[in-house]
Amino acid sequence: MQLTAESKKVIFKKFGGAEKNTGSTEAQIAMFTERINHITEHMKGQKNDNNSNRGLIRMVGKRKKLLTYLHDNNLTEYRKLIEKLGLRK
């Protein structure tokens, strides 16, 4: 199951400030986190799904780059986001 348009709007409103603010770093990180959590649950039951595993690894890498960017440019927002999303850093 993919994310619905309504769930994306909720994520963008919560982390990006507005439903249409899809370009903010915080909103993109939140979206990647939601997708990563979904694929992780899928991978628990489908251990041999190599295509999903590759996509998962790529998404984790993209999220890591965005987190590094946010850390370098706005440390307070980085710390708030890590706490909200429950990421270990």
PDB file of N, CA and C in Angstrom:
ATOM      1  N   MET A   1       0.826  -1.173   0.000  1.00  0.00           N
ATOM      2  CA  MET A   1       0.000   0.000   0.000  1.00  0.00           C
ATOM      3  C   MET A   1       0.878   1.246   0.000  1.00  0.00           C
ATOM      4  N   GLN A   2       0.614   2.137  -0.907  1.00  0.00           N
ATOM      5  CA  GLN A   2       1.375   3.372  -0.959  1.00  0.00           C
ATOM      6  C   GLN A   2       0.681   4.447  -0.145  1.00  0.00           C
ATOM      7  N   LEU A   3       1.388   5.540   0.091  1.00  0.00           N
ATOM      8  CA  LEU A   3       0.811   6.646   0.837  1.00  0.00           C
ATOM      9  C   LEU A   3      -0.266   7.314  -0.004  1.00  0.00           C
ATOM     10  N   THR A   4      -1.370   7.638   0.620  1.00  0.00           N
ATOM     11  CA  THR A   4      -2.448   8.306  -0.086  1.00  0.00           C
ATOM     12  C   THR A   4      -2.182   9.804  -0.122  1.00  0.00           C
ATOM     13  N   ALA A   5      -2.918  10.482  -0.970  1.00  0.00           N
ATOM     14  CA  ALA A   5      -2.750  11.932  -1.098  1.00  0.00           C
ATOM     15  C   ALA A   5      -3.108  12.632   0.214  1.00  0.00           C
ATOM     16  N   GLU A   6      -4.111  12.108   0.902  1.00  0.00           N
ATOM     17  CA  GLU A   6      -4.524  12.723   2.165  1.00  0.00           C
ATOM     18  C   GLU A   6      -3.440  12.571   3.236  1.00  0.00           C
ATOM     19  N   SER A   7      -2.819  11.384   3.288  1.00  0.00           N
ATOM     20  CA  SER A   7      -1.774  11.184   4.292  1.00  0.00           C
ATOM     21  C   SER A   7      -0.542  12.038   3.982  1.00  0.00           C
ATOM     22  N   LYS A   8      -0.263  12.237   2.695  1.00  0.00           N
ATOM     23  CA  LYS A   8       0.854  13.111   2.327  1.00  0.00           C
ATOM     24  C   LYS A   8       0.572  14.552   2.736  1.00  0.00           C
ATOM     25  N   LYS A   9      -0.669  15.008   2.534  1.00  0.00           N
ATOM     26  CA  LYS A   9      -1.030  16.372   2.928  1.00  0.00           C
ATOM     27  C   LYS A   9      -0.875  16.572   4.431  1.00  0.00           C
ATOM     28  N   VAL A  10      -1.251  15.559   5.196  1.00  0.00           N
ATOM     29  CA  VAL A  10      -1.120  15.649   6.650  1.00  0.00           C
ATOM     30  C   VAL A  10       0.349  15.752   7.041  1.00  0.00           C
ATOM     31  N   ILE A  11       1.193  14.942   6.411  1.00  0.00           N
ATOM     32  CA  ILE A  11       2.626  14.973   6.706  1.00  0.00           C
ATOM     33  C   ILE A  11       3.221  16.326   6.326  1.00  0.00           C
ATOM     34  N   PHE A  12       2.872  16.831   5.144  1.00  0.00           N
ATOM     35  CA  PHE A  12       3.416  18.116   4.707  1.00  0.00           C
ATOM     36  C   PHE A  12       2.926  19.256   5.590  1.00  0.00           C
ATOM     37  N   LYS A  13       1.673  19.182   6.029  1.00  0.00           N
ATOM     38  CA  LYS A  13       1.156  20.242   6.890  1.00  0.00           C
ATOM     39  C   LYS A  13       1.833  20.213   8.260  1.00  0.00           C
ATOM     40  N   LYS A  14       2.070  19.012   8.767  1.00  0.00           N
ATOM     41  CA  LYS A  14       2.672  18.880  10.096  1.00  0.00           C
ATOM     42  C   LYS A  14       4.143  19.295  10.094  1.00  0.00           C
ATOM     43  N   PHE A  15       4.886  18.887   9.073  1.00  0.00           N
ATOM     44  CA  PHE A  15       6.333  19.121   9.081  1.00  0.00           C
ATOM     45  C   PHE A  15       6.772  20.264   8.165  1.00  0.00           C
ATOM     46  N   GLY A  16       5.991  20.571   7.132  1.00  0.00           N
ATOM     47  CA  GLY A  16       6.391  21.614   6.206  1.00  0.00           C
ATOM     48  C   GLY A  16       5.730  22.947   6.458  1.00  0.00           C
ATOM     49  N   GLY A  17       4.710  22.965   7.295  1.00  0.00           N
ATOM     50  CA  GLY A  17       4.033  24.205   7.605  1.00  0.00           C
ATOM     51  C   GLY A  17       2.766  24.405   6.804  1.00  0.00           C
ATOM     52  N   ALA A  18       2.682  23.867   5.589  1.00  0.00           N
ATOM     53  CA  ALA A  18       1.494  23.983   4.744  1.00  0.00           C
ATOM     54  C   ALA A  18       1.379  22.730   3.894  1.00  0.00           C
ATOM     55  N   GLU A  19       0.168  22.476   3.393  1.00  0.00           N
ATOM     56  CA  GLU A  19      -0.048  21.275   2.589  1.00  0.00           C
ATOM     57  C   GLU A  19       0.737  21.301   1.284  1.00  0.00           C
ATOM     58  N   LYS A  20       0.973  22.494   0.762  1.00  0.00           N
ATOM     59  CA  LYS A  20       1.650  22.602  -0.533  1.00  0.00           C
ATOM     60  C   LYS A  20       3.145  22.842  -0.409  1.00  0.00           C
ATOM     61  N   ASN A  21       3.658  22.882   0.799  1.00  0.00           N
ATOM     62  CA  ASN A  21       5.087  23.102   1.016  1.00  0.00           C
ATOM     63  C   ASN A  21       5.806  21.752   0.984  1.00  0.00           C
ATOM     64  N   THR A  22       5.893  21.174  -0.201  1.00  0.00           N
ATOM     65  CA  THR A  22       6.491  19.849  -0.337  1.00  0.00           C
ATOM     66  C   THR A  22       8.003  19.904  -0.479  1.00  0.00           C
ATOM     67  N   GLY A  23       8.554  21.070  -0.656  1.00  0.00           N
ATOM     68  CA  GLY A  23       9.984  21.191  -0.904  1.00  0.00           C
ATOM     69  C   GLY A  23      10.817  21.423   0.329  1.00  0.00           C
ATOM     70  N   SER A  24      10.191  21.667   1.470  1.00  0.00           N
ATOM     71  CA  SER A  24      10.990  21.916   2.675  1.00  0.00           C
ATOM     72  C   SER A  24      11.732  20.651   3.082  1.00  0.00           C
ATOM     73  N   THR A  25      12.901  20.842   3.610  1.00  0.00           N
ATOM     74  CA  THR A  25      13.746  19.720   3.995  1.00  0.00           C
ATOM     75  C   THR A  25      13.060  18.854   5.048  1.00  0.00           C
ATOM     76  N   GLU A  26      12.429  19.498   6.019  1.00  0.00           N
ATOM     77  CA  GLU A  26      11.764  18.757   7.080  1.00  0.00           C
ATOM     78  C   GLU A  26      10.644  17.876   6.534  1.00  0.00           C
ATOM     79  N   ALA A  27       9.866  18.408   5.585  1.00  0.00           N
ATOM     80  CA  ALA A  27       8.761  17.639   5.002  1.00  0.00           C
ATOM     81  C   ALA A  27       9.287  16.465   4.187  1.00  0.00           C
ATOM     82  N   GLN A  28      10.365  16.673   3.457  1.00  0.00           N
ATOM     83  CA  GLN A  28      10.934  15.586   2.666  1.00  0.00           C
ATOM     84  C   GLN A  28      11.478  14.477   3.563  1.00  0.00           C
ATOM     85  N   ILE A  29      12.140  14.854   4.646  1.00  0.00           N
ATOM     86  CA  ILE A  29      12.664  13.858   5.581  1.00  0.00           C
ATOM     87  C   ILE A  29      11.517  13.077   6.216  1.00  0.00           C
ATOM     88  N   ALA A  30      10.449  13.773   6.580  1.00  0.00           N
ATOM     89  CA  ALA A  30       9.294  13.098   7.176  1.00  0.00           C
ATOM     90  C   ALA A  30       8.661  12.130   6.181  1.00  0.00           C
ATOM     91  N   MET A  31       8.586  12.526   4.916  1.00  0.00           N
ATOM     92  CA  MET A  31       8.009  11.661   3.886  1.00  0.00           C
ATOM     93  C   MET A  31       8.880  10.418   3.683  1.00  0.00           C
ATOM     94  N   PHE A  32      10.183  10.610   3.598  1.00  0.00           N
ATOM     95  CA  PHE A  32      11.086   9.465   3.468  1.00  0.00           C
ATOM     96  C   PHE A  32      10.964   8.535   4.670  1.00  0.00           C
ATOM     97  N   THR A  33      10.849   9.096   5.869  1.00  0.00           N
ATOM     98  CA  THR A  33      10.737   8.290   7.069  1.00  0.00           C
ATOM     99  C   THR A  33       9.467   7.449   7.033  1.00  0.00           C
ATOM    100  N   GLU A  34       8.367   8.042   6.601  1.00  0.00           N
ATOM    101  CA  GLU A  34       7.109   7.306   6.512  1.00  0.00           C
ATOM    102  C   GLU A  34       7.212   6.157   5.506  1.00  0.00           C
ATOM    103  N   ARG A  35       7.820   6.435   4.365  1.00  0.00           N
ATOM    104  CA  ARG A  35       7.985   5.401   3.347  1.00  0.00           C
ATOM    105  C   ARG A  35       8.946   4.306   3.815  1.00  0.00           C
ATOM    106  N   ILE A  36      10.008   4.695   4.501  1.00  0.00           N
ATOM    107  CA  ILE A  36      10.982   3.721   5.019  1.00  0.00           C
ATOM    108  C   ILE A  36      10.308   2.803   6.038  1.00  0.00           C
ATOM    109  N   ASN A  37       9.502   3.378   6.920  1.00  0.00           N
ATOM    110  CA  ASN A  37       8.802   2.555   7.907  1.00  0.00           C
ATOM    111  C   ASN A  37       7.856   1.568   7.234  1.00  0.00           C
ATOM    112  N   HIS A  38       7.170   2.020   6.188  1.00  0.00           N
ATOM    113  CA  HIS A  38       6.244   1.148   5.470  1.00  0.00           C
ATOM    114  C   HIS A  38       6.989  -0.005   4.793  1.00  0.00           C
ATOM    115  N   ILE A  39       8.072   0.292   4.123  1.00  0.00           N
ATOM    116  CA  ILE A  39       8.827  -0.754   3.414  1.00  0.00           C
ATOM    117  C   ILE A  39       9.513  -1.694   4.408  1.00  0.00           C
ATOM    118  N   THR A  40       9.923  -1.172   5.563  1.00  0.00           N
ATOM    119  CA  THR A  40      10.526  -2.020   6.585  1.00  0.00           C
ATOM    120  C   THR A  40       9.527  -3.066   7.068  1.00  0.00           C
ATOM    121  N   GLU A  41       8.276  -2.657   7.254  1.00  0.00           N
ATOM    122  CA  GLU A  41       7.239  -3.608   7.654  1.00  0.00           C
ATOM    123  C   GLU A  41       7.025  -4.656   6.561  1.00  0.00           C
ATOM    124  N   HIS A  42       7.057  -4.231   5.309  1.00  0.00           N
ATOM    125  CA  HIS A  42       6.908  -5.156   4.184  1.00  0.00           C
ATOM    126  C   HIS A  42       8.055  -6.164   4.162  1.00  0.00           C
ATOM    127  N   MET A  43       9.252  -5.694   4.434  1.00  0.00           N
ATOM    128  CA  MET A  43      10.431  -6.554   4.358  1.00  0.00           C
ATOM    129  C   MET A  43      10.462  -7.595   5.481  1.00  0.00           C
ATOM    130  N   LYS A  44       9.764  -7.348   6.570  1.00  0.00           N
ATOM    131  CA  LYS A  44       9.723  -8.328   7.644  1.00  0.00           C
ATOM    132  C   LYS A  44       9.063  -9.624   7.193  1.00  0.00           C
ATOM    133  N   GLY A  45       8.081  -9.518   6.314  1.00  0.00           N
ATOM    134  CA  GLY A  45       7.395 -10.703   5.825  1.00  0.00           C
ATOM    135  C   GLY A  45       7.931 -11.226   4.513  1.00  0.00           C
ATOM    136  N   GLN A  46       8.608 -10.385   3.754  1.00  0.00           N
ATOM    137  CA  GLN A  46       9.112 -10.751   2.424  1.00  0.00           C
ATOM    138  C   GLN A  46      10.626 -10.582   2.396  1.00  0.00           C
ATOM    139  N   LYS A  47      11.327 -11.482   3.011  1.00  0.00           N
ATOM    140  CA  LYS A  47      12.777 -11.345   3.180  1.00  0.00           C
ATOM    141  C   LYS A  47      13.548 -11.415   1.861  1.00  0.00           C
ATOM    142  N   ASN A  48      12.993 -12.082   0.860  1.00  0.00           N
ATOM    143  CA  ASN A  48      13.717 -12.253  -0.401  1.00  0.00           C
ATOM    144  C   ASN A  48      13.329 -11.237  -1.471  1.00  0.00           C
ATOM    145  N   ASP A  49      12.627 -10.183  -1.101  1.00  0.00           N
ATOM    146  CA  ASP A  49      12.217  -9.154  -2.049  1.00  0.00           C
ATOM    147  C   ASP A  49      13.388  -8.185  -2.253  1.00  0.00           C
ATOM    148  N   ASN A  50      14.265  -8.542  -3.195  1.00  0.00           N
ATOM    149  CA  ASN A  50      15.494  -7.773  -3.399  1.00  0.00           C
ATOM    150  C   ASN A  50      15.229  -6.384  -3.962  1.00  0.00           C
ATOM    151  N   ASN A  51      14.204  -6.231  -4.795  1.00  0.00           N
ATOM    152  CA  ASN A  51      13.916  -4.916  -5.370  1.00  0.00           C
ATOM    153  C   ASN A  51      13.465  -3.923  -4.300  1.00  0.00           C
ATOM    154  N   SER A  52      12.611  -4.361  -3.412  1.00  0.00           N
ATOM    155  CA  SER A  52      12.180  -3.484  -2.321  1.00  0.00           C
ATOM    156  C   SER A  52      13.333  -3.175  -1.384  1.00  0.00           C
ATOM    157  N   ASN A  53      14.193  -4.148  -1.168  1.00  0.00           N
ATOM    158  CA  ASN A  53      15.344  -3.938  -0.298  1.00  0.00           C
ATOM    159  C   ASN A  53      16.283  -2.877  -0.879  1.00  0.00           C
ATOM    160  N   ARG A  54      16.491  -2.931  -2.186  1.00  0.00           N
ATOM    161  CA  ARG A  54      17.342  -1.943  -2.834  1.00  0.00           C
ATOM    162  C   ARG A  54      16.730  -0.550  -2.726  1.00  0.00           C
ATOM    163  N   GLY A  55      15.414  -0.465  -2.945  1.00  0.00           N
ATOM    164  CA  GLY A  55      14.726   0.817  -2.813  1.00  0.00           C
ATOM    165  C   GLY A  55      14.806   1.352  -1.401  1.00  0.00           C
ATOM    166  N   LEU A  56      14.701   0.456  -0.434  1.00  0.00           N
ATOM    167  CA  LEU A  56      14.797   0.851   0.973  1.00  0.00           C
ATOM    168  C   LEU A  56      16.171   1.435   1.273  1.00  0.00           C
ATOM    169  N   ILE A  57      17.201   0.779   0.796  1.00  0.00           N
ATOM    170  CA  ILE A  57      18.567   1.257   1.038  1.00  0.00           C
ATOM    171  C   ILE A  57      18.789   2.626   0.379  1.00  0.00           C
ATOM    172  N   ARG A  58      18.253   2.825  -0.815  1.00  0.00           N
ATOM    173  CA  ARG A  58      18.393   4.123  -1.490  1.00  0.00           C
ATOM    174  C   ARG A  58      17.664   5.225  -0.740  1.00  0.00           C
ATOM    175  N   MET A  59      16.470   4.913  -0.232  1.00  0.00           N
ATOM    176  CA  MET A  59      15.714   5.913   0.521  1.00  0.00           C
ATOM    177  C   MET A  59      16.416   6.286   1.819  1.00  0.00           C
ATOM    178  N   VAL A  60      16.997   5.312   2.484  1.00  0.00           N
ATOM    179  CA  VAL A  60      17.741   5.595   3.715  1.00  0.00           C
ATOM    180  C   VAL A  60      18.922   6.516   3.400  1.00  0.00           C
ATOM    181  N   GLY A  61      19.587   6.276   2.284  1.00  0.00           N
ATOM    182  CA  GLY A  61      20.708   7.128   1.881  1.00  0.00           C
ATOM    183  C   GLY A  61      20.275   8.554   1.574  1.00  0.00           C
ATOM    184  N   LYS A  62      19.140   8.697   0.877  1.00  0.00           N
ATOM    185  CA  LYS A  62      18.634  10.039   0.574  1.00  0.00           C
ATOM    186  C   LYS A  62      18.235  10.779   1.845  1.00  0.00           C
ATOM    187  N   ARG A  63      17.582  10.043   2.764  1.00  0.00           N
ATOM    188  CA  ARG A  63      17.190  10.678   4.018  1.00  0.00           C
ATOM    189  C   ARG A  63      18.418  11.099   4.808  1.00  0.00           C
ATOM    190  N   LYS A  64      19.464  10.281   4.788  1.00  0.00           N
ATOM    191  CA  LYS A  64      20.692  10.611   5.504  1.00  0.00           C
ATOM    192  C   LYS A  64      21.332  11.880   4.945  1.00  0.00           C
ATOM    193  N   LYS A  65      21.324  12.022   3.617  1.00  0.00           N
ATOM    194  CA  LYS A  65      21.880  13.236   3.004  1.00  0.00           C
ATOM    195  C   LYS A  65      21.071  14.464   3.407  1.00  0.00           C
ATOM    196  N   LEU A  66      19.745  14.340   3.414  1.00  0.00           N
ATOM    197  CA  LEU A  66      18.912  15.471   3.816  1.00  0.00           C
ATOM    198  C   LEU A  66      19.112  15.812   5.290  1.00  0.00           C
ATOM    199  N   LEU A  67      19.258  14.793   6.129  1.00  0.00           N
ATOM    200  CA  LEU A  67      19.506  15.043   7.548  1.00  0.00           C
ATOM    201  C   LEU A  67      20.852  15.730   7.761  1.00  0.00           C
ATOM    202  N   THR A  68      21.849  15.339   6.995  1.00  0.00           N
ATOM    203  CA  THR A  68      23.164  15.984   7.090  1.00  0.00           C
ATOM    204  C   THR A  68      23.072  17.448   6.667  1.00  0.00           C
ATOM    205  N   TYR A  69      22.323  17.706   5.595  1.00  0.00           N
ATOM    206  CA  TYR A  69      22.127  19.085   5.130  1.00  0.00           C
ATOM    207  C   TYR A  69      21.441  19.917   6.207  1.00  0.00           C
ATOM    208  N   LEU A  70      20.381  19.364   6.797  1.00  0.00           N
ATOM    209  CA  LEU A  70      19.652  20.094   7.830  1.00  0.00           C
ATOM    210  C   LEU A  70      20.530  20.315   9.060  1.00  0.00           C
ATOM    211  N   HIS A  71      21.329  19.329   9.415  1.00  0.00           N
ATOM    212  CA  HIS A  71      22.233  19.448  10.559  1.00  0.00           C
ATOM    213  C   HIS A  71      23.246  20.565  10.332  1.00  0.00           C
ATOM    214  N   ASP A  72      23.774  20.654   9.134  1.00  0.00           N
ATOM    215  CA  ASP A  72      24.789  21.667   8.842  1.00  0.00           C
ATOM    216  C   ASP A  72      24.211  23.072   8.774  1.00  0.00           C
ATOM    217  N   ASN A  73      22.946  23.211   8.361  1.00  0.00           N
ATOM    218  CA  ASN A  73      22.370  24.535   8.137  1.00  0.00           C
ATOM    219  C   ASN A  73      21.463  25.034   9.253  1.00  0.00           C
ATOM    220  N   ASN A  74      20.810  24.130   9.972  1.00  0.00           N
ATOM    221  CA  ASN A  74      19.881  24.566  11.009  1.00  0.00           C
ATOM    222  C   ASN A  74      19.826  23.502  12.105  1.00  0.00           C
ATOM    223  N   LEU A  75      20.710  23.612  13.047  1.00  0.00           N
ATOM    224  CA  LEU A  75      20.870  22.586  14.075  1.00  0.00           C
ATOM    225  C   LEU A  75      19.647  22.468  14.984  1.00  0.00           C
ATOM    226  N   THR A  76      19.010  23.581  15.320  1.00  0.00           N
ATOM    227  CA  THR A  76      17.845  23.509  16.202  1.00  0.00           C
ATOM    228  C   THR A  76      16.681  22.786  15.531  1.00  0.00           C
ATOM    229  N   GLU A  77      16.430  23.080  14.260  1.00  0.00           N
ATOM    230  CA  GLU A  77      15.367  22.382  13.526  1.00  0.00           C
ATOM    231  C   GLU A  77      15.695  20.900  13.371  1.00  0.00           C
ATOM    232  N   TYR A  78      16.966  20.599  13.175  1.00  0.00           N
ATOM    233  CA  TYR A  78      17.417  19.209  13.062  1.00  0.00           C
ATOM    234  C   TYR A  78      17.078  18.442  14.337  1.00  0.00           C
ATOM    235  N   ARG A  79      17.396  19.024  15.471  1.00  0.00           N
ATOM    236  CA  ARG A  79      17.151  18.354  16.746  1.00  0.00           C
ATOM    237  C   ARG A  79      15.654  18.168  17.003  1.00  0.00           C
ATOM    238  N   LYS A  80      14.857  19.182  16.650  1.00  0.00           N
ATOM    239  CA  LYS A  80      13.411  19.068  16.813  1.00  0.00           C
ATOM    240  C   LYS A  80      12.849  17.944  15.939  1.00  0.00           C
ATOM    241  N   LEU A  81      13.310  17.886  14.696  1.00  0.00           N
ATOM    242  CA  LEU A  81      12.813  16.888  13.753  1.00  0.00           C
ATOM    243  C   LEU A  81      13.185  15.477  14.183  1.00  0.00           C
ATOM    244  N   ILE A  82      14.413  15.300  14.636  1.00  0.00           N
ATOM    245  CA  ILE A  82      14.863  13.989  15.112  1.00  0.00           C
ATOM    246  C   ILE A  82      13.978  13.525  16.272  1.00  0.00           C
ATOM    247  N   GLU A  83      13.653  14.450  17.155  1.00  0.00           N
ATOM    248  CA  GLU A  83      12.815  14.102  18.299  1.00  0.00           C
ATOM    249  C   GLU A  83      11.386  13.769  17.862  1.00  0.00           C
ATOM    250  N   LYS A  84      10.814  14.570  16.951  1.00  0.00           N
ATOM    251  CA  LYS A  84       9.456  14.323  16.470  1.00  0.00           C
ATOM    252  C   LYS A  84       9.323  12.991  15.753  1.00  0.00           C
ATOM    253  N   LEU A  85      10.303  12.660  14.917  1.00  0.00           N
ATOM    254  CA  LEU A  85      10.227  11.437  14.122  1.00  0.00           C
ATOM    255  C   LEU A  85      10.704  10.209  14.896  1.00  0.00           C
ATOM    256  N   GLY A  86      11.371  10.435  15.997  1.00  0.00           N
ATOM    257  CA  GLY A  86      11.851   9.308  16.790  1.00  0.00           C
ATOM    258  C   GLY A  86      13.036   8.599  16.170  1.00  0.00           C
ATOM    259  N   LEU A  87      13.871   9.338  15.455  1.00  0.00           N
ATOM    260  CA  LEU A  87      15.062   8.763  14.836  1.00  0.00           C
ATOM    261  C   LEU A  87      16.201   8.744  15.842  1.00  0.00           C
ATOM    262  N   ARG A  88      17.052   7.758  15.738  1.00  0.00           N
ATOM    263  CA  ARG A  88      18.210   7.651  16.624  1.00  0.00           C
ATOM    264  C   ARG A  88      19.372   8.401  15.997  1.00  0.00           C
ATOM    265  N   LYS A  89      19.820   9.411  16.649  1.00  0.00           N
ATOM    266  CA  LYS A  89      20.994  10.154  16.181  1.00  0.00           C
ATOM    267  C   LYS A  89      21.730  10.673  17.370  1.00  0.00           C
TER     268      LYS A  89
END
